[in-house]
N, C-alpha and C. Protein backbone atom coordinates (compact mmCIF):
# COMPACT_ATOMS: atom_id res chain seq x y z
N MET A 1 64.60 83.26 65.84
CA MET A 1 64.13 82.71 67.40
C MET A 1 64.57 81.30 67.74
N ASN A 2 64.50 80.04 66.43
CA ASN A 2 64.82 78.80 67.05
C ASN A 2 66.29 78.53 67.17
N TYR A 3 67.45 79.47 66.71
CA TYR A 3 68.36 78.88 66.93
C TYR A 3 68.68 79.38 68.23
N ILE A 4 68.20 80.47 68.81
CA ILE A 4 68.49 80.62 70.49
C ILE A 4 68.03 79.38 71.62
N THR A 5 66.26 79.22 70.99
CA THR A 5 65.48 77.90 71.64
C THR A 5 66.68 76.66 71.76
N ASP A 6 67.13 76.63 70.21
CA ASP A 6 67.52 75.33 70.43
C ASP A 6 69.10 75.51 71.05
N GLY A 7 69.58 76.52 71.25
CA GLY A 7 71.13 76.68 71.64
C GLY A 7 71.13 76.59 73.00
N VAL A 8 69.73 77.16 74.03
CA VAL A 8 69.87 76.90 74.98
C VAL A 8 69.54 75.63 75.33
N LYS A 9 68.30 74.96 74.94
CA LYS A 9 68.27 73.24 74.99
C LYS A 9 70.28 72.79 75.20
N LYS A 10 70.78 72.75 74.23
CA LYS A 10 71.75 71.90 73.70
C LYS A 10 72.76 72.24 75.24
N ALA A 11 72.50 73.94 75.75
CA ALA A 11 73.39 74.19 76.82
C ALA A 11 72.81 73.39 77.88
N ILE A 12 71.85 73.23 78.07
CA ILE A 12 71.33 72.60 79.49
C ILE A 12 71.69 71.04 79.49
N LEU A 13 71.38 70.65 77.96
CA LEU A 13 71.90 69.30 77.94
C LEU A 13 73.62 68.85 78.18
N LEU A 14 74.27 69.90 78.02
CA LEU A 14 75.85 69.99 78.08
C LEU A 14 75.66 69.95 79.49
N ILE A 15 75.60 70.68 79.82
CA ILE A 15 75.99 71.09 81.31
C ILE A 15 75.46 69.87 82.21
N PHE A 16 74.30 69.43 82.31
CA PHE A 16 73.92 68.24 83.37
C PHE A 16 74.10 66.96 82.54
N THR A 17 74.68 66.32 81.62
CA THR A 17 75.37 65.50 80.98
C THR A 17 76.91 65.49 81.25
N ALA A 18 77.54 66.71 81.99
CA ALA A 18 78.76 66.57 82.54
C ALA A 18 79.95 66.32 80.88
N ASP A 19 79.36 67.31 80.11
CA ASP A 19 80.06 67.18 79.11
C ASP A 19 81.67 67.46 79.29
N ARG A 20 82.67 66.75 78.81
CA ARG A 20 83.90 66.58 79.30
C ARG A 20 84.56 67.70 78.63
N GLU A 21 84.29 68.66 77.32
CA GLU A 21 85.09 69.70 76.66
C GLU A 21 84.18 70.50 77.72
N VAL A 22 82.99 70.78 77.94
CA VAL A 22 82.45 72.16 78.78
C VAL A 22 83.65 72.33 79.96
N PHE A 23 83.59 70.64 80.73
CA PHE A 23 84.29 71.19 82.20
C PHE A 23 85.84 71.19 82.27
N SER A 24 86.41 70.44 80.97
CA SER A 24 87.93 70.64 80.89
C SER A 24 87.98 71.94 80.63
N ILE A 25 87.52 72.98 79.94
CA ILE A 25 87.59 74.37 79.71
C ILE A 25 87.12 75.03 80.87
N VAL A 26 86.06 74.60 81.91
CA VAL A 26 85.84 75.34 83.16
C VAL A 26 87.11 74.85 83.90
N LEU A 27 87.62 73.81 83.93
CA LEU A 27 89.06 73.62 85.11
C LEU A 27 90.34 74.15 84.78
N VAL A 28 90.08 74.74 82.95
CA VAL A 28 91.70 75.31 82.71
C VAL A 28 91.16 76.65 83.27
N SER A 29 90.31 77.27 83.29
CA SER A 29 89.88 78.94 83.63
C SER A 29 89.83 78.76 85.39
N LEU A 30 89.51 77.77 86.05
CA LEU A 30 89.56 78.44 87.17
C LEU A 30 90.78 77.77 88.04
N ARG A 31 91.76 77.10 87.48
CA ARG A 31 92.95 76.87 87.49
C ARG A 31 93.91 78.40 87.78
N VAL A 32 94.18 78.49 86.13
CA VAL A 32 94.59 79.48 85.46
C VAL A 32 94.02 81.07 86.89
N SER A 33 92.94 81.02 87.31
CA SER A 33 92.69 82.46 87.91
C SER A 33 92.77 82.10 89.25
N CYS A 34 92.91 80.95 89.75
CA CYS A 34 92.84 80.96 91.32
C CYS A 34 94.57 80.72 91.35
N THR A 35 95.22 80.09 90.46
CA THR A 35 96.65 80.38 90.66
C THR A 35 96.95 82.19 90.77
N ALA A 36 96.29 82.50 89.45
CA ALA A 36 96.90 84.14 89.57
C ALA A 36 96.26 85.16 90.84
N ILE A 37 95.30 84.49 91.18
CA ILE A 37 94.47 85.24 92.48
C ILE A 37 95.46 85.00 93.64
N ILE A 38 95.87 84.09 93.87
CA ILE A 38 96.80 83.76 94.91
C ILE A 38 98.09 84.68 95.04
N PHE A 39 98.46 84.82 93.84
CA PHE A 39 100.01 85.62 94.15
C PHE A 39 100.14 87.23 93.63
N ALA A 40 98.53 87.46 93.27
CA ALA A 40 97.87 88.68 93.44
C ALA A 40 97.69 89.15 94.75
N ILE A 41 97.20 88.47 95.13
CA ILE A 41 97.01 88.57 96.76
C ILE A 41 98.50 88.50 97.63
N ILE A 42 99.13 87.72 97.49
CA ILE A 42 100.53 87.86 98.12
C ILE A 42 101.11 89.04 97.80
N ILE A 43 101.05 90.14 96.51
CA ILE A 43 101.72 91.29 96.06
C ILE A 43 100.87 91.96 96.17
N GLY A 44 99.69 92.09 96.20
CA GLY A 44 98.78 93.35 96.25
C GLY A 44 98.24 93.57 97.69
N VAL A 45 98.15 92.86 98.68
CA VAL A 45 97.57 93.04 100.01
C VAL A 45 98.82 93.95 100.93
N PRO A 46 100.06 93.34 100.60
CA PRO A 46 101.52 94.05 101.28
C PRO A 46 101.80 95.51 100.65
N LEU A 47 101.51 95.63 99.21
CA LEU A 47 101.60 97.02 98.63
C LEU A 47 101.00 97.73 99.02
N GLY A 48 99.25 97.16 98.91
CA GLY A 48 98.20 98.27 99.75
C GLY A 48 98.49 98.67 100.90
N PHE A 49 99.04 97.82 101.89
CA PHE A 49 99.19 98.38 103.06
C PHE A 49 100.29 99.16 103.48
N ILE A 50 101.38 99.26 102.99
CA ILE A 50 102.52 100.32 102.76
C ILE A 50 102.16 101.36 102.08
N VAL A 51 101.55 101.45 101.31
CA VAL A 51 101.19 102.60 100.69
C VAL A 51 100.13 103.34 101.45
N ALA A 52 98.90 102.42 102.48
CA ALA A 52 97.98 103.06 102.98
C ALA A 52 98.58 103.56 104.10
N THR A 53 99.94 103.02 104.92
CA THR A 53 100.22 103.38 106.03
C THR A 53 101.91 103.95 106.46
N LYS A 54 102.17 103.90 105.18
CA LYS A 54 103.78 104.34 105.49
C LYS A 54 104.08 105.84 104.59
N THR A 55 104.89 106.49 105.13
CA THR A 55 105.03 107.91 104.43
C THR A 55 106.35 108.20 103.64
N PHE A 56 106.41 108.33 102.09
CA PHE A 56 107.45 108.16 101.44
C PHE A 56 107.51 108.75 100.45
N PRO A 57 108.80 109.47 99.95
CA PRO A 57 108.36 109.90 98.53
C PRO A 57 107.91 109.08 97.40
N GLY A 58 107.30 109.68 96.63
CA GLY A 58 106.72 109.02 95.70
C GLY A 58 105.26 108.11 96.20
N ARG A 59 105.04 108.42 97.74
CA ARG A 59 103.74 107.30 97.52
C ARG A 59 102.50 107.84 96.91
N ARG A 60 102.24 109.53 96.87
CA ARG A 60 100.81 109.63 96.19
C ARG A 60 101.02 109.39 94.53
N THR A 61 102.09 109.16 93.95
CA THR A 61 102.40 108.79 92.43
C THR A 61 102.10 107.38 92.28
N ILE A 62 102.54 106.67 93.54
CA ILE A 62 102.25 105.12 93.61
C ILE A 62 100.89 104.62 93.70
N ALA A 63 99.85 105.45 94.36
CA ALA A 63 98.43 105.18 94.66
C ALA A 63 97.66 105.72 93.27
N THR A 64 98.53 106.77 92.73
CA THR A 64 97.34 107.48 91.93
C THR A 64 97.64 106.31 90.15
N ILE A 65 98.97 105.56 90.47
CA ILE A 65 99.11 104.71 89.37
C ILE A 65 98.57 103.34 89.30
N LEU A 66 98.41 102.90 90.74
CA LEU A 66 97.93 101.51 91.41
C LEU A 66 96.40 101.93 91.02
N ASN A 67 95.80 103.38 91.13
CA ASN A 67 93.80 103.14 90.82
C ASN A 67 94.23 103.99 89.22
N THR A 68 94.86 103.84 88.49
CA THR A 68 94.81 103.92 87.08
C THR A 68 95.18 102.62 86.53
N LEU A 69 95.75 101.74 86.97
CA LEU A 69 95.98 100.56 86.36
C LEU A 69 94.63 99.40 86.74
N MET A 70 93.55 99.82 87.77
CA MET A 70 92.74 99.33 87.59
C MET A 70 91.89 98.91 86.62
N ALA A 71 91.82 99.90 85.49
CA ALA A 71 91.12 99.82 84.81
C ALA A 71 91.86 99.75 83.29
N MET A 72 93.07 98.98 83.62
CA MET A 72 93.63 99.03 82.18
C MET A 72 93.36 97.91 81.18
N PRO A 73 93.40 98.00 80.13
CA PRO A 73 92.76 97.10 79.15
C PRO A 73 93.43 95.81 79.21
N THR A 74 92.53 94.91 79.14
CA THR A 74 93.28 93.55 79.11
C THR A 74 94.38 93.16 77.85
N VAL A 75 93.96 93.56 76.74
CA VAL A 75 94.54 93.85 75.51
C VAL A 75 95.82 94.36 75.77
N VAL A 76 95.89 95.52 76.48
CA VAL A 76 97.22 95.83 76.73
C VAL A 76 97.99 95.56 77.38
N VAL A 77 97.71 94.58 78.64
CA VAL A 77 98.48 93.67 79.48
C VAL A 77 98.65 92.26 78.27
N GLY A 78 97.85 91.88 77.66
CA GLY A 78 98.19 90.92 76.93
C GLY A 78 99.39 91.43 76.02
N LEU A 79 99.81 92.59 75.04
CA LEU A 79 100.51 93.11 74.46
C LEU A 79 101.87 93.14 75.15
N THR A 80 101.84 93.60 76.31
CA THR A 80 102.85 93.90 77.12
C THR A 80 103.65 92.58 77.25
N VAL A 81 102.62 91.78 78.16
CA VAL A 81 103.55 90.33 77.99
C VAL A 81 103.94 89.95 77.18
N TYR A 82 103.45 89.61 76.23
CA TYR A 82 103.58 88.91 74.57
C TYR A 82 104.84 89.53 73.81
N ALA A 83 104.98 90.70 74.14
CA ALA A 83 106.35 91.60 74.05
C ALA A 83 107.62 90.80 74.82
N PHE A 84 107.34 90.33 76.16
CA PHE A 84 108.29 90.19 76.73
C PHE A 84 108.65 88.63 76.70
N ILE A 85 107.47 87.86 76.21
CA ILE A 85 107.80 86.33 76.32
C ILE A 85 107.78 85.77 74.54
N SER A 86 107.86 86.61 74.05
CA SER A 86 107.88 85.82 72.36
C SER A 86 108.91 85.66 72.16
N ARG A 87 109.35 84.93 71.11
CA ARG A 87 110.35 84.43 70.80
C ARG A 87 111.40 85.34 70.50
N SER A 88 111.23 86.41 70.54
CA SER A 88 112.34 87.74 69.91
C SER A 88 112.38 88.30 71.48
N GLY A 89 111.38 88.03 72.13
CA GLY A 89 111.30 89.14 73.49
C GLY A 89 112.48 88.53 74.29
N PRO A 90 112.86 89.43 75.53
CA PRO A 90 113.89 89.38 76.22
C PRO A 90 113.57 87.85 77.35
N LEU A 91 112.61 87.27 76.87
CA LEU A 91 112.20 85.72 78.16
C LEU A 91 111.78 85.06 77.22
N GLY A 92 112.10 85.11 75.75
CA GLY A 92 112.05 84.08 74.72
C GLY A 92 112.20 82.84 75.15
N MET A 93 113.64 82.55 75.62
CA MET A 93 114.06 81.41 75.57
C MET A 93 113.54 80.60 76.67
N PHE A 94 112.30 80.97 77.74
CA PHE A 94 111.51 80.41 78.43
C PHE A 94 110.32 79.76 78.05
N GLY A 95 110.17 79.86 76.81
CA GLY A 95 108.98 79.18 76.29
C GLY A 95 107.67 79.24 76.76
N LEU A 96 107.51 80.27 76.98
CA LEU A 96 106.36 80.78 77.65
C LEU A 96 104.84 80.89 77.00
N LEU A 97 105.31 81.50 75.83
CA LEU A 97 103.82 81.80 75.25
C LEU A 97 103.01 81.01 74.97
N PHE A 98 101.92 81.25 74.54
CA PHE A 98 100.72 79.97 74.64
C PHE A 98 100.86 78.56 75.81
N THR A 99 101.08 79.23 76.89
CA THR A 99 100.91 78.32 78.09
C THR A 99 99.92 79.21 78.89
N GLN A 100 99.91 78.14 79.79
CA GLN A 100 99.51 78.79 81.14
C GLN A 100 99.78 79.55 81.74
N THR A 101 101.12 79.10 82.13
CA THR A 101 101.89 80.35 82.55
C THR A 101 101.75 81.63 81.98
N ALA A 102 101.78 81.78 80.95
CA ALA A 102 101.69 83.32 80.65
C ALA A 102 100.48 83.52 80.86
N MET A 103 99.39 83.12 80.64
CA MET A 103 98.23 83.63 80.88
C MET A 103 98.00 83.73 82.76
N VAL A 104 98.64 83.13 83.48
CA VAL A 104 98.63 83.46 84.65
C VAL A 104 99.39 84.86 84.86
N ILE A 105 100.68 85.05 84.19
CA ILE A 105 101.59 85.83 84.30
C ILE A 105 100.39 87.17 84.06
N GLY A 106 99.71 86.76 82.75
CA GLY A 106 98.86 88.43 82.69
C GLY A 106 97.68 88.78 83.86
N GLN A 107 97.00 87.60 84.06
CA GLN A 107 95.98 87.86 84.81
C GLN A 107 96.68 88.40 86.18
N ILE A 108 97.90 88.06 86.70
CA ILE A 108 98.60 88.70 88.43
C ILE A 108 98.88 90.16 87.62
N LEU A 109 98.92 90.57 86.39
CA LEU A 109 99.10 92.08 86.19
C LEU A 109 97.96 92.74 85.89
N LEU A 110 96.63 92.06 85.91
CA LEU A 110 95.45 92.50 85.81
C LEU A 110 94.68 92.82 87.28
N ALA A 111 95.21 91.22 88.25
CA ALA A 111 94.40 91.35 89.46
C ALA A 111 95.09 92.39 90.89
N THR A 112 96.69 92.44 90.75
CA THR A 112 97.27 93.07 91.60
C THR A 112 96.89 94.58 91.56
N PRO A 113 96.89 95.07 90.43
CA PRO A 113 96.25 97.02 90.92
C PRO A 113 95.31 96.74 91.54
N ILE A 114 94.22 95.91 91.16
CA ILE A 114 92.87 96.02 92.04
C ILE A 114 93.12 95.78 93.38
N ILE A 115 93.45 94.66 93.71
CA ILE A 115 93.55 94.26 95.17
C ILE A 115 94.43 95.50 96.23
N ALA A 116 96.12 95.76 95.51
CA ALA A 116 96.37 97.34 95.87
C ALA A 116 95.71 98.33 96.65
N ALA A 117 94.89 98.60 95.45
CA ALA A 117 94.04 99.78 95.50
C ALA A 117 93.36 99.92 96.26
N LEU A 118 92.29 98.78 96.13
CA LEU A 118 91.01 98.48 97.08
C LEU A 118 91.50 98.34 98.62
N THR A 119 92.51 97.34 98.57
CA THR A 119 93.36 97.34 99.94
C THR A 119 93.74 98.62 100.69
N MET A 120 94.58 99.66 99.82
CA MET A 120 94.73 100.48 100.29
C MET A 120 93.76 101.65 100.95
N SER A 121 92.43 101.48 100.13
CA SER A 121 91.10 102.47 100.42
C SER A 121 90.59 101.67 101.66
N ALA A 122 90.70 100.38 101.64
CA ALA A 122 89.86 99.63 103.00
C ALA A 122 90.82 100.27 104.23
N ILE A 123 92.43 100.06 104.17
CA ILE A 123 93.38 100.27 105.06
C ILE A 123 93.13 101.95 105.44
N GLN A 124 93.06 102.47 104.97
CA GLN A 124 92.82 103.67 105.19
C GLN A 124 91.48 104.57 105.77
N GLY A 125 90.61 103.48 105.75
CA GLY A 125 89.27 103.52 106.36
C GLY A 125 89.21 103.04 107.86
N VAL A 126 90.27 102.96 108.03
CA VAL A 126 90.57 102.10 109.53
C VAL A 126 91.49 103.31 110.45
N ASP A 127 90.27 103.12 111.55
CA ASP A 127 91.15 104.37 112.36
C ASP A 127 92.45 104.12 112.65
N ILE A 128 92.94 105.07 112.85
CA ILE A 128 94.40 105.14 112.75
C ILE A 128 95.06 104.78 114.24
N LYS A 129 94.08 105.23 115.39
CA LYS A 129 94.39 105.12 116.70
C LYS A 129 94.32 103.03 116.75
N VAL A 130 93.89 102.04 116.00
CA VAL A 130 93.92 101.00 116.23
C VAL A 130 95.52 100.24 115.99
N ARG A 131 96.01 100.76 115.07
CA ARG A 131 97.56 100.65 115.20
C ARG A 131 98.07 101.26 115.88
N LYS A 132 98.02 102.32 116.39
CA LYS A 132 98.84 103.15 117.73
C LYS A 132 98.74 102.20 119.16
N THR A 133 97.41 101.74 119.18
CA THR A 133 96.98 101.22 120.20
C THR A 133 97.98 99.81 120.46
N ALA A 134 97.97 99.16 119.22
CA ALA A 134 98.34 98.09 119.22
C ALA A 134 99.58 97.73 119.70
N LEU A 135 100.31 99.03 119.04
CA LEU A 135 101.94 99.05 119.17
C LEU A 135 102.06 99.60 120.57
N THR A 136 101.28 100.25 121.13
CA THR A 136 101.61 100.89 122.64
C THR A 136 101.24 99.86 123.81
N LEU A 137 100.51 98.77 123.32
CA LEU A 137 100.15 97.73 124.37
C LEU A 137 101.33 96.31 123.95
N GLY A 138 102.28 96.83 123.24
CA GLY A 138 103.33 95.45 122.90
C GLY A 138 102.93 94.85 122.05
N ALA A 139 102.61 95.35 121.10
CA ALA A 139 102.47 94.54 119.73
C ALA A 139 103.65 95.06 118.39
N THR A 140 103.95 93.91 118.11
CA THR A 140 105.24 93.67 117.26
C THR A 140 104.53 94.52 116.09
N GLY A 141 105.40 94.99 114.76
CA GLY A 141 104.91 95.40 114.06
C GLY A 141 104.06 95.10 113.21
N THR A 142 104.41 93.48 112.84
CA THR A 142 103.77 92.43 112.35
C THR A 142 102.35 92.36 112.94
N GLN A 143 102.57 92.40 114.36
CA GLN A 143 101.07 91.69 114.78
C GLN A 143 100.55 93.14 114.89
N ALA A 144 100.79 94.12 114.92
CA ALA A 144 99.79 95.74 114.67
C ALA A 144 99.35 95.66 113.14
N ALA A 145 100.11 95.28 111.94
CA ALA A 145 99.70 95.28 111.14
C ALA A 145 98.31 94.04 110.98
N TRP A 146 98.50 92.83 111.27
CA TRP A 146 97.77 92.14 111.49
C TRP A 146 96.02 92.75 111.95
N THR A 147 96.63 92.96 112.92
CA THR A 147 95.08 93.81 113.64
C THR A 147 94.35 94.57 112.50
N VAL A 148 95.37 95.76 111.93
CA VAL A 148 94.81 96.61 111.00
C VAL A 148 94.08 95.75 110.09
N LEU A 149 94.41 94.98 109.36
CA LEU A 149 93.99 93.99 108.68
C LEU A 149 93.31 93.22 108.91
N SER A 150 92.82 92.92 110.18
CA SER A 150 91.61 92.14 110.67
C SER A 150 90.34 93.16 110.66
N GLU A 151 90.80 94.47 111.05
CA GLU A 151 89.42 95.89 111.11
C GLU A 151 88.57 95.82 109.74
N ALA A 152 90.04 95.82 108.62
CA ALA A 152 89.70 95.97 107.02
C ALA A 152 89.41 94.95 106.84
N LYS A 153 88.56 93.87 107.30
CA LYS A 153 88.91 92.01 106.47
C LYS A 153 87.44 92.23 105.70
N PHE A 154 86.91 92.92 105.71
CA PHE A 154 85.39 93.33 104.78
C PHE A 154 85.93 93.90 103.23
N GLY A 155 86.51 95.15 103.47
CA GLY A 155 87.47 95.56 102.34
C GLY A 155 87.97 94.62 101.66
N LEU A 156 88.72 94.12 102.80
CA LEU A 156 90.01 93.14 101.64
C LEU A 156 89.37 92.03 100.99
N MET A 157 88.21 91.92 101.67
CA MET A 157 87.53 90.15 100.86
C MET A 157 86.88 90.80 99.63
N ALA A 158 86.59 92.19 99.55
CA ALA A 158 85.77 92.56 98.45
C ALA A 158 86.56 93.00 97.49
N ALA A 159 88.02 93.27 97.97
CA ALA A 159 89.09 93.53 96.88
C ALA A 159 89.70 92.16 96.37
N ILE A 160 89.41 91.30 97.10
CA ILE A 160 90.24 89.89 96.11
C ILE A 160 89.40 89.14 95.28
N ILE A 161 87.91 89.54 96.15
CA ILE A 161 86.81 89.02 95.05
C ILE A 161 86.70 89.87 93.86
N ALA A 162 86.64 91.23 93.92
CA ALA A 162 86.76 92.16 92.76
C ALA A 162 87.83 91.62 91.60
N GLY A 163 89.20 91.25 92.27
CA GLY A 163 90.49 90.90 91.42
C GLY A 163 89.82 89.57 90.91
N PHE A 164 89.30 88.72 91.52
CA PHE A 164 89.16 87.61 90.94
C PHE A 164 87.93 87.67 89.72
N GLY A 165 87.00 88.37 90.18
CA GLY A 165 85.91 88.27 88.88
C GLY A 165 86.20 88.98 87.95
N ARG A 166 87.71 90.11 88.25
CA ARG A 166 87.92 90.67 86.95
C ARG A 166 88.46 89.60 85.78
N ILE A 167 89.61 88.86 86.25
CA ILE A 167 90.52 87.89 85.86
C ILE A 167 89.60 86.83 84.91
N ILE A 168 88.92 86.07 85.66
CA ILE A 168 87.83 84.85 85.45
C ILE A 168 87.02 85.27 84.39
N ALA A 169 86.86 86.48 84.02
CA ALA A 169 86.01 87.30 82.92
C ALA A 169 86.63 87.47 81.97
N GLU A 170 88.00 88.31 81.98
CA GLU A 170 88.70 88.69 80.98
C GLU A 170 88.91 87.47 79.83
N VAL A 171 89.02 88.20 78.54
CA VAL A 171 89.56 87.32 77.29
C VAL A 171 90.57 88.01 76.53
N GLY A 172 90.77 89.15 76.60
CA GLY A 172 92.16 90.01 75.73
C GLY A 172 93.28 89.01 76.33
N SER A 173 93.80 89.38 77.03
CA SER A 173 95.18 88.67 77.66
C SER A 173 95.15 87.23 77.60
N ALA A 174 94.13 86.25 77.76
CA ALA A 174 94.06 85.11 77.63
C ALA A 174 94.43 84.69 76.28
N MET A 175 93.63 84.93 75.34
CA MET A 175 93.34 84.53 74.26
C MET A 175 95.01 85.19 73.44
N MET A 176 95.75 86.33 73.76
CA MET A 176 96.99 86.43 73.26
C MET A 176 97.49 85.95 73.77
N LEU A 177 97.96 85.60 74.96
CA LEU A 177 99.26 84.90 75.80
C LEU A 177 99.05 83.37 75.67
N GLY A 178 97.58 82.63 75.40
CA GLY A 178 97.48 81.24 75.63
C GLY A 178 96.85 80.73 74.50
N GLY A 179 96.66 81.41 73.66
CA GLY A 179 96.49 81.28 72.29
C GLY A 179 95.07 80.39 71.88
N ASN A 180 94.41 80.11 72.84
CA ASN A 180 93.11 79.31 72.91
C ASN A 180 93.20 78.06 72.29
N ILE A 181 93.97 77.30 72.71
CA ILE A 181 94.61 76.14 72.48
C ILE A 181 93.55 74.40 73.63
N LYS A 182 92.83 73.77 72.36
CA LYS A 182 92.07 73.11 73.15
C LYS A 182 92.91 72.08 74.07
N ASP A 183 92.18 71.97 75.39
CA ASP A 183 92.75 70.98 76.50
C ASP A 183 93.90 71.78 76.93
N SER A 184 94.20 72.74 77.05
CA SER A 184 95.84 73.61 77.54
C SER A 184 95.15 74.95 77.88
N THR A 185 95.19 75.76 77.02
CA THR A 185 94.69 76.96 77.41
C THR A 185 93.36 77.56 77.16
N ARG A 186 92.41 76.97 76.45
CA ARG A 186 91.15 77.34 76.23
C ARG A 186 90.60 77.73 77.54
N THR A 187 89.95 79.12 77.80
CA THR A 187 89.12 79.16 78.71
C THR A 187 87.86 79.49 78.76
N ILE A 188 87.01 79.84 79.84
CA ILE A 188 85.33 79.87 79.67
C ILE A 188 85.48 81.03 78.95
N THR A 189 85.72 82.38 78.44
CA THR A 189 85.47 83.36 78.03
C THR A 189 86.14 83.00 76.21
N THR A 190 87.42 82.82 76.46
CA THR A 190 88.10 82.68 74.79
C THR A 190 87.12 81.31 74.11
N ALA A 191 86.72 80.40 74.86
CA ALA A 191 85.91 79.34 74.30
C ALA A 191 84.20 79.95 73.87
N ILE A 192 83.70 80.72 74.53
CA ILE A 192 82.61 81.29 73.97
C ILE A 192 82.77 82.37 72.82
N ALA A 193 84.53 83.06 72.59
CA ALA A 193 84.00 84.12 71.39
C ALA A 193 84.47 82.76 70.65
N LEU A 194 85.24 81.74 70.59
CA LEU A 194 85.33 80.75 69.43
C LEU A 194 84.31 80.03 68.94
N GLU A 195 83.58 79.75 69.95
CA GLU A 195 82.44 78.95 69.57
C GLU A 195 81.26 79.31 69.03
N THR A 196 81.21 80.82 69.23
CA THR A 196 80.22 82.20 68.81
C THR A 196 80.32 82.34 67.56
N SER A 197 81.42 82.68 67.08
CA SER A 197 82.36 82.67 65.89
C SER A 197 81.88 81.50 64.84
N LYS A 198 82.10 80.29 65.73
CA LYS A 198 81.71 79.16 64.53
C LYS A 198 80.17 78.74 64.23
N GLY A 199 79.16 79.39 65.53
CA GLY A 199 78.03 79.21 65.37
C GLY A 199 77.38 78.38 66.20
N GLU A 200 78.26 77.88 67.05
CA GLU A 200 78.35 76.74 68.03
C GLU A 200 77.43 77.43 69.24
N PHE A 201 76.03 77.79 69.36
CA PHE A 201 75.65 78.80 70.48
C PHE A 201 75.03 77.73 71.79
N GLY A 202 75.49 76.42 71.47
CA GLY A 202 74.69 75.54 72.48
C GLY A 202 76.03 75.83 73.47
N LEU A 203 77.24 75.36 73.10
CA LEU A 203 78.66 75.13 73.86
C LEU A 203 78.94 76.54 74.51
N GLY A 204 78.89 77.94 73.34
CA GLY A 204 78.54 79.07 73.94
C GLY A 204 77.88 79.61 75.55
N ILE A 205 76.43 79.37 75.07
CA ILE A 205 75.63 79.56 76.56
C ILE A 205 75.95 78.52 77.40
N ALA A 206 76.22 77.32 77.19
CA ALA A 206 76.87 76.45 78.48
C ALA A 206 77.42 77.25 79.34
N LEU A 207 78.77 77.32 78.76
CA LEU A 207 79.91 78.12 78.85
C LEU A 207 79.58 79.61 79.66
N GLY A 208 78.51 79.96 79.02
CA GLY A 208 78.22 81.49 79.69
C GLY A 208 77.17 81.27 80.79
N ILE A 209 76.98 80.37 80.88
CA ILE A 209 75.80 79.78 82.23
C ILE A 209 76.59 79.46 83.42
N ILE A 210 77.72 78.56 83.13
CA ILE A 210 78.52 78.67 84.29
C ILE A 210 79.42 79.42 84.55
N LEU A 211 79.48 80.66 83.48
CA LEU A 211 80.60 81.79 84.57
C LEU A 211 79.74 82.79 85.04
N LEU A 212 78.35 82.87 84.65
CA LEU A 212 77.51 83.46 85.67
C LEU A 212 77.08 82.75 86.77
N ILE A 213 77.12 81.39 87.30
CA ILE A 213 76.98 80.83 88.23
C ILE A 213 78.21 80.82 89.28
N ILE A 214 79.33 81.19 88.33
CA ILE A 214 80.66 81.30 89.53
C ILE A 214 80.77 82.64 89.96
N ALA A 215 80.31 83.48 88.92
CA ALA A 215 79.97 85.01 89.26
C ALA A 215 79.17 85.47 90.76
N PHE A 216 78.27 84.22 90.18
CA PHE A 216 77.22 84.29 91.92
C PHE A 216 77.56 83.76 92.98
N GLY A 217 78.58 82.57 92.53
CA GLY A 217 79.12 81.93 93.62
C GLY A 217 80.04 82.91 94.55
N ILE A 218 80.80 83.49 93.71
CA ILE A 218 81.56 84.41 94.56
C ILE A 218 81.05 85.56 95.31
N ASN A 219 79.83 85.93 94.88
CA ASN A 219 78.90 87.16 95.83
C ASN A 219 78.56 86.43 96.94
N ILE A 220 77.95 85.45 96.59
CA ILE A 220 77.52 84.49 97.76
C ILE A 220 78.44 84.11 99.25
N LEU A 221 79.86 84.10 98.27
CA LEU A 221 81.09 84.10 99.28
C LEU A 221 81.30 84.85 100.57
N LEU A 222 81.08 86.11 99.39
CA LEU A 222 81.27 87.58 100.02
C LEU A 222 80.58 87.65 100.97
N HIS A 223 79.05 87.66 100.92
CA HIS A 223 78.11 88.14 101.82
C HIS A 223 78.37 86.82 103.22
N ARG A 224 78.78 85.74 102.66
CA ARG A 224 78.92 84.77 104.01
C ARG A 224 79.97 85.07 104.69
N LEU A 225 81.04 85.51 104.17
CA LEU A 225 82.47 85.76 105.00
C LEU A 225 81.98 87.33 105.61
N GLN A 226 81.72 87.98 104.83
CA GLN A 226 80.89 89.20 105.62
C GLN A 226 80.01 89.19 107.05
N LYS A 227 79.66 87.51 107.40
CA LYS A 227 78.67 87.56 108.55
C LYS A 227 79.36 86.87 109.61
N ILE A 228 80.59 86.35 109.31
CA ILE A 228 81.60 85.81 110.37
C ILE A 228 81.89 86.68 110.86
């Protein structure tokens, strides 16, 4: 039990002394995940809206695929992207492997299906009369779509936060695509895995506490936004 107590003490010391290594790792995680979630929102929200409101061949198939991809293992995403961006892959000439860009690509693939599927569900929960009424009153297609999205804002916020929560805590694709390089691609989760395997429980616990604080902060943000 002593190693647990010592680990917790060291973790608290690392956090409150603003240890450079700890906060460098946290900044890499936030930079990669925030960039990925922005692109996932840009892709996922319109995709979910189209599938929810338009009728076209293959619509049900796309909806099923999106729902299936919500549970896609992170290592499968890592393996797929790795195959494309490795030196022998079709995109190998761009030198993306073991960079933050590669990690962002992997996280976009993880978050987009979640955001799209939950957006689709949220839009389908909005009364169909909302869009028809907006169009009847002279709104353009874009304005009518914005009205529907406004009605589904709580579901959309939940979708975005669920997507962010998925990628900030993932380790499989980050390890495979980033390589866990110090001061470059080492994230909170990959650092926890590494430091724990080395017996450095203090640093691992410190990062675990920070990850929990981030998750807690995300949930607080959701509740605050729901009151607006």
